Protein backbone atom coordinates (compact mmCIF):
# COMPACT_ATOMS: atom_id res chain seq x y z
CA MET A 1 -0.07 0.14 -0.09
CA LEU A 2 1.61 3.54 -0.76
CA PHE A 3 0.24 6.56 1.07
CA LEU A 4 1.51 9.88 0.12
CA ARG A 5 1.25 12.79 2.86
CA GLU A 6 2.97 16.16 2.99
CA THR A 7 5.16 17.35 5.68
CA LYS A 8 5.43 20.41 7.22
CA GLY A 9 9.06 21.14 4.83
CA GLY A 10 6.55 19.88 2.11
CA ASN A 11 8.15 16.84 1.12
CA PRO A 12 5.62 13.46 0.97
CA ILE A 13 6.54 10.13 2.88
CA LYS A 14 5.26 6.83 1.62
CA TYR A 15 3.47 4.78 4.58
CA LEU A 16 3.59 1.19 4.65
CA CYS A 17 -0.09 0.19 6.27
CA LEU A 18 0.33 -3.21 7.71
CA LYS A 19 -2.55 -3.24 10.66
CA ASN A 20 -5.36 -3.20 7.66
CA PHE A 21 -3.83 -6.43 6.06
CA LEU A 22 -3.04 -8.01 9.03
CA ARG A 23 -6.28 -8.19 11.11
CA GLY A 24 -5.18 -8.04 14.41
CA ALA A 25 -3.33 -11.25 13.80
CA ASP A 26 -0.49 -11.89 16.37
CA ILE A 27 2.41 -12.20 13.70
CA ASP A 28 6.13 -10.79 13.74
CA ILE A 29 6.79 -9.10 10.79
CA GLU A 30 9.83 -6.59 10.08
CA VAL A 31 9.07 -4.10 7.27
CA LYS A 32 11.44 -2.14 5.40
CA ALA A 33 10.26 1.23 3.90
CA LYS A 34 11.61 3.84 1.53
CA VAL A 35 10.66 7.38 1.77
CA ILE A 36 9.73 8.64 -1.78
CA TYR A 37 10.20 12.04 -1.88
CA GLU A 38 9.32 14.42 -5.51
CA SER A 39 12.09 14.99 -7.60
CA ASP A 40 13.08 16.46 -10.89
CA THR A 41 12.81 12.82 -12.88
CA ASP A 42 9.88 12.30 -15.25
CA ASP A 43 9.39 8.76 -14.20
CA ILE A 44 5.93 7.53 -13.31
CA ILE A 45 6.46 7.52 -9.64
CA ASN A 46 7.40 11.06 -9.55
CA GLN A 47 4.51 11.70 -12.21
CA TYR A 48 2.37 9.88 -9.22
CA ILE A 49 3.46 11.99 -6.55
CA ILE A 50 2.67 15.46 -8.14
CA PHE A 51 -0.66 13.67 -9.24
CA CYS A 52 -1.08 13.28 -5.44
CA LYS A 53 0.01 16.24 -4.50
CA VAL A 54 -2.13 18.11 -6.83
CA PHE A 55 -5.54 16.15 -5.73
CA ASN A 56 -4.54 17.34 -2.60
CA GLU A 57 -4.54 21.16 -3.50
CA GLN A 58 -8.03 20.62 -5.32
CA THR A 59 -9.47 18.70 -2.41
CA LYS A 60 -9.01 21.48 -0.16
CA LEU A 61 -9.97 24.03 -2.80
CA HIS A 62 -13.43 21.86 -3.64
CA GLY A 63 -13.90 19.33 -0.85
CA MET A 64 -13.76 15.10 -1.56
CA THR A 65 -16.10 16.23 -4.99
CA GLN A 66 -15.69 15.08 -8.41
CA LYS A 67 -14.96 18.66 -9.58
CA ALA A 68 -11.37 18.20 -7.36
CA VAL A 69 -11.11 15.17 -9.24
CA THR A 70 -11.47 16.56 -12.69
CA GLU A 71 -9.63 19.68 -11.97
CA THR A 72 -6.25 17.62 -10.98
CA ILE A 73 -6.64 15.77 -14.21
CA ARG A 74 -6.85 19.05 -16.09
CA ILE A 75 -4.37 20.57 -14.26
CA CYS A 76 -1.88 17.28 -14.51
CA LYS A 77 -2.87 16.77 -18.15
CA ASP A 78 -1.69 20.53 -18.80
CA ARG A 79 1.70 20.14 -17.05
CA ASN A 80 2.31 16.81 -18.45
CA VAL A 81 2.09 14.65 -15.68
CA LEU A 82 0.58 11.23 -16.58
CA ARG A 83 -1.00 13.04 -19.13
CA GLU A 84 -1.17 9.84 -21.62
CA TYR A 85 -2.48 7.75 -18.92
CA LEU A 86 -4.86 10.16 -17.95
CA ALA A 87 -6.22 10.92 -21.74
CA GLN A 88 -6.68 7.27 -22.45
CA ARG A 89 -8.69 6.51 -19.01
CA GLU A 90 -9.96 10.06 -18.02
CA LYS A 91 -13.34 8.79 -17.22
CA LYS A 92 -11.87 5.14 -15.50
CA VAL A 93 -10.05 7.45 -13.03
CA VAL A 94 -13.24 9.78 -12.71
CA THR A 95 -15.25 6.52 -12.00
CA ILE A 96 -12.26 5.25 -9.57
CA MET A 97 -11.41 8.56 -7.88
CA MET A 98 -14.96 9.03 -7.13
CA SER A 99 -15.43 5.45 -5.32
CA LEU A 100 -12.66 6.14 -3.27
CA PHE A 101 -14.66 9.12 -2.14
CA ASN A 102 -17.72 7.18 -1.29
CA GLU A 103 -16.21 4.61 0.60
CA GLU A 104 -14.30 6.87 2.42
CA GLN A 105 -17.74 8.85 3.30
CA ILE A 106 -19.14 5.86 4.06
CA MET A 107 -16.45 4.90 6.55
CA LYS A 108 -16.36 8.15 8.39
CA SER A 109 -20.24 7.66 8.62
CA PHE A 110 -20.03 4.56 9.78
CA ILE A 111 -17.19 5.63 12.64
CA ARG A 112 -19.70 8.21 13.72
CA SER A 113 -22.83 6.31 14.02
CA GLU A 114 -20.85 3.60 16.45
CA SER A 115 -18.92 6.47 18.23
CA SER A 116 -22.80 7.52 18.85
CA ARG A 117 -23.77 4.24 19.64
CA PHE A 118 -21.12 3.78 22.13
CA THR A 119 -21.92 6.92 23.90
CA ASP A 120 -25.38 6.32 23.79
CA CYS A 121 -24.28 2.82 25.79
CA LYS A 122 -21.90 4.54 28.18
CA GLN A 123 -25.30 6.97 28.74
CA GLY A 124 -27.58 3.92 29.61
CA LYS A 125 -29.31 4.94 26.59
């Protein structure tokens, strides 16, 4: 799993999240992760990092909306970031990104409802 998050210095960090995959199993595992930063190279990983940064900027402006996705794609194509891939698969990328939004919203809603239920249970309701 690749997760990019900007640090205060502006460099994205790659996180390997095993907790979701191990499902609480009592397993000893050693993980080595490489930190990946944006660079001046034109390789696919660097383009993906740039895509993620543009996407984060757009979600700050437009929220988790289709406008954020379409603006990210437009900006990246204009900047020649993943241009060929996005041009050939734009509808598919929009669909995938929107389904990720939907999954995130469902998860947030579930957490809110469970938290509320837990609070009600503690208060004897």
